C-alpha cells in the first residue's frame, strides 16, 4: 500500500469541484499544503472554505491576496469588486467561524522535517528564510491581534512602497511585507518592485530569479502567478496553473524525491458536475 503523502496545492480560488476531483485522484494523504488564494473568483468559495475549515487538522494554508481581500470584505472594510464571488460565503450562517479561522492563518509556513517553505507570491531577495519568517510573524501578529481591523484599514489606505528602503514608517513596512508575500511578481535588480501583472520594461525580472541569485538557502512553494504557469525547479515549486481560468489544478508531493505531480483539468471537472456521464466523457476529451 502506498504511504500517505504530503502534497502542496496551487491556487484553488473557489473551484471546489476541481479540488474534489484532485483529492480523489490523490487518494489518502497525510497533509495538504495550500499556497494561498483558496477562495474568490471561482463560483464555489462557500463550499471550499467550509471544507477547509472542517479539514483544518490536515491542512497547512498561507494567506494570499484574495484571502486577505475576502477577510476585509467580511470585516466590512473592503467594497465588492466586479470579480467578487463571495456573496454566498458571506451569507453563510457559519461565516464568522470560517473567517475567524482564516484570519489566523500565516503568511509563511515551514515544516522542519521538509526542505520547503511556502508563501503565496514571493520572498524578497534581501530576506534570508529566517528574515522572511520574522516579517511574516510581524504580519500574523497584527492580523491576529485585537486591532486587526485597524491594521487592515491602514493596509489599504495607500499603495505599498516599491522598495524596502522607501518605507518611512511601520505602516509602510507592513504594506511592503504584505505586497511581497501576496502580490509580487516583477522586481528590478535594485529591489524595486512593480506591483503589476506585466513587467513595465525589460529591466524587471521574475522575483525568483533575483531571489535565487542572492540567497543560497530556501526552497520555495508558491502560487499566485497563473500567467507564468507551473514551474518545477530544484528550489522552486510555482503551482498556480490557472484552475479558475479553465486550465489545471496542480498538486505536488513534496515529501519525496523526485517531486511527483498530479493535475486535474479544471474545465472538464467543472463541466462534469453539471453533465450526464456520456457528456462527461466528451468534455474530458474536449
Protein backbone atom coordinates (compact mmCIF):
# COMPACT_ATOMS: atom_id res chain seq x y z
CA UNK A 1 0.00 0.00 0.00
CA UNK A 2 1.32 3.45 -0.91
CA UNK A 3 2.18 5.66 2.06
CA UNK A 4 0.15 8.74 2.84
CA UNK A 5 1.91 11.75 1.35
CA UNK A 6 2.24 15.48 1.92
CA UNK A 7 1.00 17.45 -1.09
CA UNK A 8 1.28 21.13 -1.95
CA UNK A 9 -1.62 22.50 -4.00
CA UNK A 10 -1.83 25.65 -6.10
CA UNK A 11 -4.49 28.36 -6.16
CA UNK A 12 -7.99 26.85 -5.80
CA UNK A 13 -9.87 30.19 -5.87
CA UNK A 14 -13.22 28.69 -5.01
CA UNK A 15 -13.12 25.91 -7.63
CA UNK A 16 -14.36 23.24 -5.23
CA UNK A 17 -15.45 20.70 -7.86
CA UNK A 18 -11.92 20.70 -9.30
CA UNK A 19 -10.46 20.38 -5.80
CA UNK A 20 -12.68 17.38 -5.08
CA UNK A 21 -11.55 15.76 -8.33
CA UNK A 22 -7.90 16.40 -7.45
CA UNK A 23 -8.28 14.95 -3.95
CA UNK A 24 -9.99 11.90 -5.43
CA UNK A 25 -7.01 11.43 -7.75
CA UNK A 26 -4.59 11.74 -4.83
CA UNK A 27 -6.38 9.25 -2.61
CA UNK A 28 -5.19 9.23 1.00
CA UNK A 29 -2.91 11.97 2.26
CA UNK A 30 -1.12 12.96 5.46
CA UNK A 31 -1.07 16.73 4.97
CA UNK A 32 -2.19 19.21 2.34
CA UNK A 33 -0.33 22.48 1.88
CA UNK A 34 -2.34 25.23 0.16
CA UNK A 35 -0.31 28.08 -1.36
CA UNK A 36 -2.97 30.74 -0.75
CA UNK A 37 -5.96 32.09 -2.66
CA UNK A 38 -8.25 29.25 -1.67
CA UNK A 39 -11.33 31.41 -2.30
CA UNK A 40 -12.79 34.11 -4.60
CA UNK A 41 -13.16 34.36 -8.37
CA UNK A 42 -14.41 30.77 -8.65
CA UNK A 43 -18.11 30.03 -8.07
CA UNK A 44 -17.75 27.75 -5.03
CA UNK A 45 -15.99 29.78 -2.34
CA UNK A 46 -18.61 28.82 0.26
CA UNK A 47 -18.11 25.08 -0.25
CA UNK A 48 -14.33 25.48 -0.46
CA UNK A 49 -13.88 27.37 2.80
CA UNK A 50 -16.41 25.18 4.62
CA UNK A 51 -14.43 22.09 3.55
CA UNK A 52 -11.09 23.68 4.54
CA UNK A 53 -12.45 24.60 7.97
CA UNK A 54 -13.72 21.07 8.57
CA UNK A 55 -10.42 19.54 7.38
CA UNK A 56 -8.18 22.05 9.14
CA UNK A 57 -6.21 19.50 11.17
CA UNK A 58 -4.67 18.12 7.96
CA UNK A 59 -4.27 21.49 6.23
CA UNK A 60 -1.40 23.95 6.15
CA UNK A 61 -2.57 27.14 4.46
CA UNK A 62 -0.92 30.51 3.84
CA UNK A 63 -2.81 33.67 3.05
CA UNK A 64 -2.97 35.05 -0.47
CA UNK A 65 -4.20 38.38 -1.81
CA UNK A 66 -7.69 37.02 -2.48
CA UNK A 67 -7.91 35.56 1.02
CA UNK A 68 -6.94 38.92 2.55
CA UNK A 69 -9.50 40.66 0.35
CA UNK A 70 -12.18 38.19 1.46
CA UNK A 71 -11.34 38.78 5.14
CA UNK A 72 -11.60 42.53 4.51
CA UNK A 73 -15.00 42.05 2.84
CA UNK A 74 -16.25 40.02 5.81
CA UNK A 75 -14.96 42.71 8.18
CA UNK A 76 -16.83 45.44 6.25
CA UNK A 77 -13.58 47.14 5.26
CA UNK A 78 -13.39 46.42 1.51
CA UNK A 79 -16.10 47.01 -1.06
CA UNK A 80 -17.11 44.31 -3.53
CA UNK A 81 -15.17 44.19 -6.79
CA UNK A 82 -16.53 43.06 -10.15
CA UNK A 83 -14.68 39.73 -9.83
CA UNK A 84 -16.07 39.14 -6.32
CA UNK A 85 -17.84 35.78 -5.93
CA UNK A 86 -18.14 35.83 -2.14
CA UNK A 87 -21.87 36.56 -1.66
CA UNK A 88 -22.93 33.02 -0.72
CA UNK A 89 -19.96 32.60 1.61
CA UNK A 90 -20.55 35.90 3.38
CA UNK A 91 -24.23 34.98 3.86
CA UNK A 92 -23.38 31.55 5.34
CA UNK A 93 -24.58 31.18 8.95
CA UNK A 94 -21.10 29.91 9.88
CA UNK A 95 -19.21 32.66 8.05
CA UNK A 96 -17.87 34.13 11.28
CA UNK A 97 -16.38 30.76 12.28
CA UNK A 98 -14.80 30.30 8.86
CA UNK A 99 -13.31 33.77 8.65
CA UNK A 100 -12.05 33.84 12.22
CA UNK A 101 -10.12 30.67 11.36
CA UNK A 102 -8.89 32.08 8.03
CA UNK A 103 -7.74 35.29 9.76
CA UNK A 104 -5.41 33.21 11.92
CA UNK A 105 -3.59 31.54 9.01
CA UNK A 106 0.08 32.53 8.50
CA UNK A 107 1.76 34.32 5.61
CA UNK A 108 4.63 31.82 5.58
CA UNK A 109 4.71 28.16 6.56
CA UNK A 110 7.68 25.86 7.04
CA UNK A 111 7.93 22.30 8.35
CA UNK A 112 11.32 21.50 9.87
CA UNK A 113 11.11 17.95 8.52
CA UNK A 114 10.82 19.11 4.89
CA UNK A 115 13.13 21.35 2.83
CA UNK A 116 10.29 23.53 1.54
CA UNK A 117 8.84 26.77 2.85
CA UNK A 118 5.55 28.07 1.48
CA UNK A 119 4.30 31.57 0.67
CA UNK A 120 1.60 32.74 -1.68
CA UNK A 121 3.53 35.03 -4.02
CA UNK A 122 7.20 35.71 -3.26
CA UNK A 123 10.10 36.34 -0.94
CA UNK A 124 12.32 39.38 -1.11
CA UNK A 125 15.88 38.63 -2.20
CA UNK A 126 17.31 40.59 0.72
CA UNK A 127 15.49 38.34 3.21
CA UNK A 128 17.05 35.09 4.35
CA UNK A 129 14.46 32.40 5.20
CA UNK A 130 14.87 33.39 8.87
CA UNK A 131 14.33 37.08 7.99
CA UNK A 132 11.25 36.19 5.96
CA UNK A 133 9.82 34.18 8.85
CA UNK A 134 10.28 37.21 11.10
CA UNK A 135 8.50 39.52 8.65
CA UNK A 136 5.66 37.01 8.29
CA UNK A 137 5.33 36.73 12.08
CA UNK A 138 5.04 40.53 12.34
CA UNK A 139 2.11 40.46 9.91
CA UNK A 140 0.50 37.48 11.57
CA UNK A 141 0.57 39.13 14.98
CA UNK A 142 -1.11 42.23 13.51
CA UNK A 143 -3.84 40.22 11.79
CA UNK A 144 -4.48 38.06 14.85
CA UNK A 145 -4.37 40.92 17.34
CA UNK A 146 -7.24 42.87 18.88
CA UNK A 147 -6.66 45.81 16.50
CA UNK A 148 -6.73 43.68 13.36
CA UNK A 149 -9.46 45.72 11.66
CA UNK A 150 -7.44 48.90 12.07
CA UNK A 151 -4.44 47.05 10.64
CA UNK A 152 -6.43 46.07 7.54
CA UNK A 153 -7.82 49.59 7.10
CA UNK A 154 -4.32 51.08 7.21
CA UNK A 155 -3.11 48.39 4.82
CA UNK A 156 -5.46 49.53 2.06
CA UNK A 157 -5.17 53.27 2.68
CA UNK A 158 -2.11 53.64 0.46
CA UNK A 159 -0.11 51.73 -2.12
CA UNK A 160 2.81 49.67 -0.88
CA UNK A 161 6.27 51.25 -1.29
CA UNK A 162 8.16 49.77 -4.21
CA UNK A 163 11.34 49.15 -2.21
CA UNK A 164 12.02 48.22 1.40
CA UNK A 165 14.34 51.24 1.67
CA UNK A 166 11.42 53.53 0.81
CA UNK A 167 9.35 52.51 3.86
CA UNK A 168 9.02 55.63 6.00
CA UNK A 169 7.15 54.09 8.96
CA UNK A 170 5.72 50.81 10.24
CA UNK A 171 2.53 51.15 8.18
CA UNK A 172 4.65 51.37 5.02
CA UNK A 173 6.68 48.38 6.20
CA UNK A 174 3.53 46.33 6.75
CA UNK A 175 2.22 47.26 3.30
CA UNK A 176 5.52 46.24 1.74
CA UNK A 177 5.59 42.91 3.60
CA UNK A 178 2.04 42.08 2.54
CA UNK A 179 2.73 43.07 -1.07
CA UNK A 180 5.80 40.82 -1.28
CA UNK A 181 4.16 37.82 0.36
CA UNK A 182 0.85 38.06 -1.52
CA UNK A 183 1.26 40.10 -4.75
CA UNK A 184 4.84 40.27 -6.01
CA UNK A 185 5.83 39.12 -9.49
CA UNK A 186 8.34 41.51 -11.06
CA UNK A 187 11.36 43.17 -9.48
CA UNK A 188 14.45 45.04 -10.70
CA UNK A 189 17.95 44.17 -9.60
CA UNK A 190 17.93 47.21 -7.29
CA UNK A 191 14.99 45.75 -5.35
CA UNK A 192 12.30 47.95 -6.91
CA UNK A 193 9.01 46.03 -7.36
CA UNK A 194 6.34 46.63 -9.96
CA UNK A 195 3.04 45.73 -8.29
CA UNK A 196 1.60 44.88 -11.71
CA UNK A 197 0.68 41.78 -13.70
CA UNK A 198 3.08 42.59 -16.53
CA UNK A 199 6.68 43.78 -16.39
CA UNK A 200 6.89 47.52 -17.15
CA UNK A 201 10.09 47.04 -19.15
CA UNK A 202 12.99 44.65 -19.76
CA UNK A 203 14.81 45.71 -16.58
CA UNK A 204 12.32 43.74 -14.46
CA UNK A 205 12.94 40.08 -13.61
CA UNK A 206 10.66 37.44 -12.13
CA UNK A 207 11.09 37.71 -8.36
CA UNK A 208 12.52 34.18 -8.06
CA UNK A 209 15.38 34.88 -10.44
CA UNK A 210 16.61 37.69 -8.21
CA UNK A 211 15.91 35.71 -5.04
CA UNK A 212 17.93 32.65 -6.02
CA UNK A 213 20.78 34.81 -7.31
CA UNK A 214 21.07 36.40 -3.85
CA UNK A 215 20.03 33.63 -1.45
CA UNK A 216 21.71 30.24 -1.17
CA UNK A 217 19.09 28.97 1.28
CA UNK A 218 15.42 28.27 0.81
CA UNK A 219 13.36 26.01 -1.42
CA UNK A 220 10.02 27.69 -2.04
CA UNK A 221 6.46 26.56 -2.73
CA UNK A 222 4.27 29.36 -4.07
CA UNK A 223 1.25 30.14 -6.22
CA UNK A 224 -0.24 33.44 -7.41
CA UNK A 225 1.22 33.67 -10.93
CA UNK A 226 -1.13 31.88 -13.31
CA UNK A 227 0.26 33.59 -16.42
CA UNK A 228 3.73 32.26 -15.60
CA UNK A 229 2.19 28.84 -15.01
CA UNK A 230 3.57 25.70 -13.44
CA UNK A 231 7.30 25.73 -12.72
CA UNK A 232 9.12 22.78 -11.14
CA UNK A 233 12.74 23.57 -10.38
CA UNK A 234 15.28 22.41 -7.82
CA UNK A 235 14.38 25.19 -5.37
CA UNK A 236 11.03 26.36 -6.75
CA UNK A 237 7.56 24.86 -6.99
CA UNK A 238 5.30 27.51 -8.54
CA UNK A 239 1.91 25.77 -8.56
CA UNK A 240 -0.66 28.26 -9.86
CA UNK A 241 -1.60 26.50 -13.08
CA UNK A 242 -4.71 28.61 -13.75
CA UNK A 243 -7.57 26.46 -12.49
CA UNK A 244 -10.02 29.36 -12.21
CA UNK A 245 -9.20 30.23 -15.86
CA UNK A 246 -10.18 26.73 -17.01
CA UNK A 247 -6.69 25.22 -17.05
CA UNK A 248 -5.33 22.88 -14.38
CA UNK A 249 -5.28 22.45 -10.62
CA UNK A 250 -1.93 21.03 -9.55
CA UNK A 251 -0.71 19.06 -6.54
CA UNK A 252 2.96 18.24 -5.91
CA UNK A 253 4.03 15.53 -3.50
CA UNK A 254 6.76 17.26 -1.51
CA UNK A 255 7.79 14.60 1.00
CA UNK A 256 9.65 12.50 -1.53
CA UNK A 257 12.19 12.96 -4.30
CA UNK A 258 11.72 13.37 -7.19
CA UNK A 259 8.63 15.55 -6.89
CA UNK A 260 5.54 13.80 -8.25
CA UNK A 261 2.80 15.93 -9.84
CA UNK A 262 -0.94 15.28 -10.11
CA UNK A 263 -3.13 17.55 -12.22
CA UNK A 264 -6.84 17.91 -12.90
CA UNK A 265 -8.33 19.54 -15.98
CA UNK A 266 -10.44 22.22 -14.32
CA UNK A 267 -12.74 22.86 -17.26
CA UNK A 268 -13.62 19.19 -17.54
CA UNK A 269 -14.04 18.87 -13.76
CA UNK A 270 -16.36 21.88 -13.59
CA UNK A 271 -18.41 20.73 -16.54
CA UNK A 272 -18.55 17.25 -15.08
CA UNK A 273 -20.57 18.43 -12.09
CA UNK A 274 -23.33 19.57 -14.47
CA UNK A 275 -23.26 16.90 -17.20
CA UNK A 276 -24.52 13.36 -17.72
CA UNK A 277 -21.92 10.51 -17.70
CA UNK A 278 -21.79 10.41 -21.51
CA UNK A 279 -21.37 14.17 -21.71
CA UNK A 280 -18.65 13.99 -19.05
CA UNK A 281 -16.63 11.65 -21.23
CA UNK A 282 -16.97 14.04 -24.18
CA UNK A 283 -15.97 17.04 -22.02
CA UNK A 284 -12.91 15.25 -20.67
CA UNK A 285 -11.57 14.83 -24.19
CA UNK A 286 -12.56 18.27 -25.48
